[in-house]
Amino acid sequence: MYDVLYWCYRCHRTVRMAPATNPSDSVCPRCFGQFLDEIDRAIPRPLHDFTQFDPSPEARLLEALLL
């Protein structure tokens, strides 16, 4: 079984847990809130090349964090 990433609207954090057979049975393991939304990770994020214009270490760090 694989873990699914959820957003908890009560504690405003992402939580990773096993998918529930019934979505209404999902409970946040941190705050025990039931207002969770599954995060769809299938959508690719656009790639940004900050080093094209600015080869500084800060720009390379920003680019690495976006991957």
PDB file of N, CA and C in Angstrom:
ATOM      1  N   MET A   1       0.849  -1.185   0.000  1.00  0.00           N
ATOM      2  CA  MET A   1       0.000   0.000   0.000  1.00  0.00           C
ATOM      3  C   MET A   1       0.893   1.247   0.000  1.00  0.00           C
ATOM      4  N   TYR A   2       0.473   2.272  -0.654  1.00  0.00           N
ATOM      5  CA  TYR A   2       1.274   3.480  -0.780  1.00  0.00           C
ATOM      6  C   TYR A   2       0.670   4.611   0.047  1.00  0.00           C
ATOM      7  N   ASP A   3       1.495   5.599   0.344  1.00  0.00           N
ATOM      8  CA  ASP A   3       1.028   6.756   1.091  1.00  0.00           C
ATOM      9  C   ASP A   3       0.506   7.821   0.132  1.00  0.00           C
ATOM     10  N   VAL A   4      -0.486   8.548   0.600  1.00  0.00           N
ATOM     11  CA  VAL A   4      -1.091   9.631  -0.172  1.00  0.00           C
ATOM     12  C   VAL A   4      -0.839  10.921   0.586  1.00  0.00           C
ATOM     13  N   LEU A   5      -0.638  12.010  -0.147  1.00  0.00           N
ATOM     14  CA  LEU A   5      -0.401  13.305   0.460  1.00  0.00           C
ATOM     15  C   LEU A   5      -1.722  14.060   0.554  1.00  0.00           C
ATOM     16  N   TYR A   6      -2.041  14.547   1.735  1.00  0.00           N
ATOM     17  CA  TYR A   6      -3.277  15.294   1.996  1.00  0.00           C
ATOM     18  C   TYR A   6      -2.936  16.671   2.552  1.00  0.00           C
ATOM     19  N   TRP A   7      -3.852  17.609   2.380  1.00  0.00           N
ATOM     20  CA  TRP A   7      -3.759  18.916   3.014  1.00  0.00           C
ATOM     21  C   TRP A   7      -4.816  18.964   4.107  1.00  0.00           C
ATOM     22  N   CYS A   8      -4.373  19.276   5.334  1.00  0.00           N
ATOM     23  CA  CYS A   8      -5.307  19.405   6.454  1.00  0.00           C
ATOM     24  C   CYS A   8      -5.662  20.880   6.609  1.00  0.00           C
ATOM     25  N   TYR A   9      -6.929  21.180   6.497  1.00  0.00           N
ATOM     26  CA  TYR A   9      -7.383  22.560   6.610  1.00  0.00           C
ATOM     27  C   TYR A   9      -7.487  23.020   8.057  1.00  0.00           C
ATOM     28  N   ARG A  10      -7.418  22.093   8.979  1.00  0.00           N
ATOM     29  CA  ARG A  10      -7.497  22.472  10.397  1.00  0.00           C
ATOM     30  C   ARG A  10      -6.130  22.902  10.930  1.00  0.00           C
ATOM     31  N   CYS A  11      -5.088  22.107  10.649  1.00  0.00           N
ATOM     32  CA  CYS A  11      -3.760  22.482  11.157  1.00  0.00           C
ATOM     33  C   CYS A  11      -2.888  23.110  10.069  1.00  0.00           C
ATOM     34  N   HIS A  12      -3.438  23.288   8.863  1.00  0.00           N
ATOM     35  CA  HIS A  12      -2.764  23.980   7.763  1.00  0.00           C
ATOM     36  C   HIS A  12      -1.410  23.359   7.439  1.00  0.00           C
ATOM     37  N   ARG A  13      -1.390  22.015   7.277  1.00  0.00           N
ATOM     38  CA  ARG A  13      -0.160  21.296   6.955  1.00  0.00           C
ATOM     39  C   ARG A  13      -0.460  20.168   5.983  1.00  0.00           C
ATOM     40  N   THR A  14       0.592  19.733   5.316  1.00  0.00           N
ATOM     41  CA  THR A  14       0.461  18.519   4.523  1.00  0.00           C
ATOM     42  C   THR A  14       0.724  17.330   5.428  1.00  0.00           C
ATOM     43  N   VAL A  15      -0.023  16.272   5.218  1.00  0.00           N
ATOM     44  CA  VAL A  15       0.157  15.039   5.979  1.00  0.00           C
ATOM     45  C   VAL A  15       0.200  13.877   4.995  1.00  0.00           C
ATOM     46  N   ARG A  16       1.024  12.894   5.307  1.00  0.00           N
ATOM     47  CA  ARG A  16       1.163  11.710   4.466  1.00  0.00           C
ATOM     48  C   ARG A  16       0.598  10.534   5.243  1.00  0.00           C
ATOM     49  N   MET A  17      -0.338   9.818   4.619  1.00  0.00           N
ATOM     50  CA  MET A  17      -0.935   8.664   5.287  1.00  0.00           C
ATOM     51  C   MET A  17      -1.490   7.708   4.238  1.00  0.00           C
ATOM     52  N   ALA A  18      -1.823   6.519   4.679  1.00  0.00           N
ATOM     53  CA  ALA A  18      -2.386   5.519   3.779  1.00  0.00           C
ATOM     54  C   ALA A  18      -3.776   5.964   3.345  1.00  0.00           C
ATOM     55  N   PRO A  19      -4.140   5.691   2.095  1.00  0.00           N
ATOM     56  CA  PRO A  19      -5.468   6.094   1.624  1.00  0.00           C
ATOM     57  C   PRO A  19      -6.560   5.300   2.327  1.00  0.00           C
ATOM     58  N   ALA A  20      -7.619   5.980   2.698  1.00  0.00           N
ATOM     59  CA  ALA A  20      -8.757   5.329   3.353  1.00  0.00           C
ATOM     60  C   ALA A  20      -9.701   4.781   2.294  1.00  0.00           C
ATOM     61  N   THR A  21     -10.358   3.687   2.620  1.00  0.00           N
ATOM     62  CA  THR A  21     -11.331   3.123   1.673  1.00  0.00           C
ATOM     63  C   THR A  21     -12.529   4.036   1.535  1.00  0.00           C
ATOM     64  N   ASN A  22     -12.883   4.724   2.604  1.00  0.00           N
ATOM     65  CA  ASN A  22     -13.973   5.690   2.590  1.00  0.00           C
ATOM     66  C   ASN A  22     -13.371   7.056   2.930  1.00  0.00           C
ATOM     67  N   PRO A  23     -13.391   8.028   1.996  1.00  0.00           N
ATOM     68  CA  PRO A  23     -12.771   9.328   2.261  1.00  0.00           C
ATOM     69  C   PRO A  23     -13.289  10.034   3.513  1.00  0.00           C
ATOM     70  N   SER A  24     -14.523   9.778   3.912  1.00  0.00           N
ATOM     71  CA  SER A  24     -15.056  10.434   5.112  1.00  0.00           C
ATOM     72  C   SER A  24     -14.441   9.859   6.387  1.00  0.00           C
ATOM     73  N   ASP A  25     -13.726   8.727   6.283  1.00  0.00           N
ATOM     74  CA  ASP A  25     -13.055   8.148   7.444  1.00  0.00           C
ATOM     75  C   ASP A  25     -11.642   8.692   7.639  1.00  0.00           C
ATOM     76  N   SER A  26     -11.159   9.537   6.735  1.00  0.00           N
ATOM     77  CA  SER A  26      -9.807  10.081   6.836  1.00  0.00           C
ATOM     78  C   SER A  26      -9.714  11.055   8.002  1.00  0.00           C
ATOM     79  N   VAL A  27      -8.675  10.882   8.812  1.00  0.00           N
ATOM     80  CA  VAL A  27      -8.455  11.737   9.977  1.00  0.00           C
ATOM     81  C   VAL A  27      -6.993  12.159   9.973  1.00  0.00           C
ATOM     82  N   CYS A  28      -6.744  13.430  10.195  1.00  0.00           N
ATOM     83  CA  CYS A  28      -5.386  13.954  10.253  1.00  0.00           C
ATOM     84  C   CYS A  28      -4.653  13.334  11.449  1.00  0.00           C
ATOM     85  N   PRO A  29      -3.465  12.757  11.234  1.00  0.00           N
ATOM     86  CA  PRO A  29      -2.731  12.159  12.353  1.00  0.00           C
ATOM     87  C   PRO A  29      -2.124  13.181  13.305  1.00  0.00           C
ATOM     88  N   ARG A  30      -2.117  14.455  12.939  1.00  0.00           N
ATOM     89  CA  ARG A  30      -1.540  15.494  13.805  1.00  0.00           C
ATOM     90  C   ARG A  30      -2.580  16.149  14.711  1.00  0.00           C
ATOM     91  N   CYS A  31      -3.705  16.551  14.119  1.00  0.00           N
ATOM     92  CA  CYS A  31      -4.706  17.285  14.906  1.00  0.00           C
ATOM     93  C   CYS A  31      -6.026  16.529  15.033  1.00  0.00           C
ATOM     94  N   PHE A  32      -6.133  15.384  14.362  1.00  0.00           N
ATOM     95  CA  PHE A  32      -7.339  14.552  14.353  1.00  0.00           C
ATOM     96  C   PHE A  32      -8.532  15.232  13.695  1.00  0.00           C
ATOM     97  N   GLY A  33      -8.245  16.250  12.872  1.00  0.00           N
ATOM     98  CA  GLY A  33      -9.300  16.907  12.107  1.00  0.00           C
ATOM     99  C   GLY A  33      -9.716  16.045  10.926  1.00  0.00           C
ATOM    100  N   GLN A  34     -10.927  16.246  10.457  1.00  0.00           N
ATOM    101  CA  GLN A  34     -11.453  15.444   9.358  1.00  0.00           C
ATOM    102  C   GLN A  34     -11.619  16.237   8.066  1.00  0.00           C
ATOM    103  N   PHE A  35     -11.142  17.465   8.032  1.00  0.00           N
ATOM    104  CA  PHE A  35     -11.277  18.290   6.835  1.00  0.00           C
ATOM    105  C   PHE A  35      -9.985  18.194   6.033  1.00  0.00           C
ATOM    106  N   LEU A  36      -9.853  17.079   5.280  1.00  0.00           N
ATOM    107  CA  LEU A  36      -8.652  16.794   4.507  1.00  0.00           C
ATOM    108  C   LEU A  36      -8.970  16.819   3.018  1.00  0.00           C
ATOM    109  N   ASP A  37      -7.975  17.192   2.246  1.00  0.00           N
ATOM    110  CA  ASP A  37      -8.119  17.224   0.801  1.00  0.00           C
ATOM    111  C   ASP A  37      -6.899  16.540   0.196  1.00  0.00           C
ATOM    112  N   GLU A  38      -7.121  15.551  -0.661  1.00  0.00           N
ATOM    113  CA  GLU A  38      -5.998  14.837  -1.273  1.00  0.00           C
ATOM    114  C   GLU A  38      -5.297  15.751  -2.269  1.00  0.00           C
ATOM    115  N   ILE A  39      -3.988  15.773  -2.206  1.00  0.00           N
ATOM    116  CA  ILE A  39      -3.187  16.598  -3.110  1.00  0.00           C
ATOM    117  C   ILE A  39      -2.844  15.764  -4.331  1.00  0.00           C
ATOM    118  N   ASP A  40      -3.174  16.274  -5.489  1.00  0.00           N
ATOM    119  CA  ASP A  40      -2.898  15.587  -6.740  1.00  0.00           C
ATOM    120  C   ASP A  40      -1.466  15.891  -7.158  1.00  0.00           C
ATOM    121  N   ARG A  41      -0.616  14.877  -7.102  1.00  0.00           N
ATOM    122  CA  ARG A  41       0.792  15.070  -7.461  1.00  0.00           C
ATOM    123  C   ARG A  41       1.062  14.711  -8.911  1.00  0.00           C
ATOM    124  N   ALA A  42       0.040  14.433  -9.676  1.00  0.00           N
ATOM    125  CA  ALA A  42       0.226  14.054 -11.075  1.00  0.00           C
ATOM    126  C   ALA A  42       0.457  15.262 -11.976  1.00  0.00           C
ATOM    127  N   ILE A  43       0.134  16.455 -11.506  1.00  0.00           N
ATOM    128  CA  ILE A  43       0.295  17.664 -12.311  1.00  0.00           C
ATOM    129  C   ILE A  43       1.752  18.111 -12.226  1.00  0.00           C
ATOM    130  N   PRO A  44       2.480  18.129 -13.347  1.00  0.00           N
ATOM    131  CA  PRO A  44       3.885  18.556 -13.293  1.00  0.00           C
ATOM    132  C   PRO A  44       3.996  20.049 -13.044  1.00  0.00           C
ATOM    133  N   ARG A  45       4.981  20.409 -12.262  1.00  0.00           N
ATOM    134  CA  ARG A  45       5.232  21.823 -11.998  1.00  0.00           C
ATOM    135  C   ARG A  45       6.124  22.385 -13.096  1.00  0.00           C
ATOM    136  N   PRO A  46       5.909  23.625 -13.481  1.00  0.00           N
ATOM    137  CA  PRO A  46       6.758  24.211 -14.520  1.00  0.00           C
ATOM    138  C   PRO A  46       8.192  24.385 -14.011  1.00  0.00           C
ATOM    139  N   LEU A  47       9.123  24.183 -14.911  1.00  0.00           N
ATOM    140  CA  LEU A  47      10.532  24.350 -14.554  1.00  0.00           C
ATOM    141  C   LEU A  47      10.941  25.789 -14.804  1.00  0.00           C
ATOM    142  N   HIS A  48      11.638  26.356 -13.860  1.00  0.00           N
ATOM    143  CA  HIS A  48      12.141  27.718 -13.976  1.00  0.00           C
ATOM    144  C   HIS A  48      13.657  27.661 -13.958  1.00  0.00           C
ATOM    145  N   ASP A  49      14.272  28.378 -14.847  1.00  0.00           N
ATOM    146  CA  ASP A  49      15.718  28.420 -14.887  1.00  0.00           C
ATOM    147  C   ASP A  49      16.173  29.797 -14.433  1.00  0.00           C
ATOM    148  N   PHE A  50      16.418  29.925 -13.139  1.00  0.00           N
ATOM    149  CA  PHE A  50      16.862  31.201 -12.596  1.00  0.00           C
ATOM    150  C   PHE A  50      18.324  31.474 -12.935  1.00  0.00           C
ATOM    151  N   THR A  51      19.107  30.408 -13.181  1.00  0.00           N
ATOM    152  CA  THR A  51      20.533  30.599 -13.429  1.00  0.00           C
ATOM    153  C   THR A  51      20.807  31.129 -14.825  1.00  0.00           C
ATOM    154  N   GLN A  52      19.793  31.123 -15.706  1.00  0.00           N
ATOM    155  CA  GLN A  52      19.989  31.662 -17.048  1.00  0.00           C
ATOM    156  C   GLN A  52      20.306  33.156 -16.978  1.00  0.00           C
ATOM    157  N   PHE A  53      19.670  33.856 -16.057  1.00  0.00           N
ATOM    158  CA  PHE A  53      19.870  35.300 -15.932  1.00  0.00           C
ATOM    159  C   PHE A  53      20.789  35.662 -14.778  1.00  0.00           C
ATOM    160  N   ASP A  54      20.847  34.809 -13.774  1.00  0.00           N
ATOM    161  CA  ASP A  54      21.615  35.116 -12.572  1.00  0.00           C
ATOM    162  C   ASP A  54      22.334  33.843 -12.099  1.00  0.00           C
ATOM    163  N   PRO A  55      23.632  33.687 -12.373  1.00  0.00           N
ATOM    164  CA  PRO A  55      24.345  32.471 -11.984  1.00  0.00           C
ATOM    165  C   PRO A  55      24.807  32.465 -10.523  1.00  0.00           C
ATOM    166  N   SER A  56      24.235  33.310  -9.698  1.00  0.00           N
ATOM    167  CA  SER A  56      24.664  33.391  -8.300  1.00  0.00           C
ATOM    168  C   SER A  56      24.243  32.151  -7.519  1.00  0.00           C
ATOM    169  N   PRO A  57      24.878  31.893  -6.378  1.00  0.00           N
ATOM    170  CA  PRO A  57      24.484  30.745  -5.545  1.00  0.00           C
ATOM    171  C   PRO A  57      23.030  30.818  -5.086  1.00  0.00           C
ATOM    172  N   GLU A  58      22.540  32.014  -4.854  1.00  0.00           N
ATOM    173  CA  GLU A  58      21.156  32.166  -4.422  1.00  0.00           C
ATOM    174  C   GLU A  58      20.186  31.707  -5.518  1.00  0.00           C
ATOM    175  N   ALA A  59      20.488  32.063  -6.766  1.00  0.00           N
ATOM    176  CA  ALA A  59      19.641  31.659  -7.882  1.00  0.00           C
ATOM    177  C   ALA A  59      19.678  30.150  -8.075  1.00  0.00           C
ATOM    178  N   ARG A  60      20.846  29.542  -7.895  1.00  0.00           N
ATOM    179  CA  ARG A  60      20.942  28.088  -8.015  1.00  0.00           C
ATOM    180  C   ARG A  60      20.167  27.391  -6.894  1.00  0.00           C
ATOM    181  N   LEU A  61      20.168  27.980  -5.702  1.00  0.00           N
ATOM    182  CA  LEU A  61      19.400  27.428  -4.599  1.00  0.00           C
ATOM    183  C   LEU A  61      17.906  27.497  -4.888  1.00  0.00           C
ATOM    184  N   LEU A  62      17.429  28.630  -5.398  1.00  0.00           N
ATOM    185  CA  LEU A  62      16.015  28.762  -5.750  1.00  0.00           C
ATOM    186  C   LEU A  62      15.623  27.735  -6.803  1.00  0.00           C
ATOM    187  N   GLU A  63      16.481  27.540  -7.793  1.00  0.00           N
ATOM    188  CA  GLU A  63      16.178  26.570  -8.836  1.00  0.00           C
ATOM    189  C   GLU A  63      16.123  25.153  -8.266  1.00  0.00           C
ATOM    190  N   ALA A  64      17.012  24.825  -7.353  1.00  0.00           N
ATOM    191  CA  ALA A  64      17.019  23.496  -6.750  1.00  0.00           C
ATOM    192  C   ALA A  64      15.781  23.267  -5.894  1.00  0.00           C
ATOM    193  N   LEU A  65      15.308  24.282  -5.209  1.00  0.00           N
ATOM    194  CA  LEU A  65      14.121  24.143  -4.359  1.00  0.00           C
ATOM    195  C   LEU A  65      12.852  23.963  -5.179  1.00  0.00           C
ATOM    196  N   LEU A  66      12.831  24.445  -6.388  1.00  0.00           N
ATOM    197  CA  LEU A  66      11.643  24.329  -7.223  1.00  0.00           C
ATOM    198  C   LEU A  66      11.521  22.975  -7.883  1.00  0.00           C
ATOM    199  N   LEU A  67      12.577  22.189  -7.922  1.00  0.00           N
ATOM    200  CA  LEU A  67      12.524  20.875  -8.586  1.00  0.00           C
ATOM    201  C   LEU A  67      11.823  19.860  -7.787  1.00  0.00           C
TER     202      LEU A  67
END
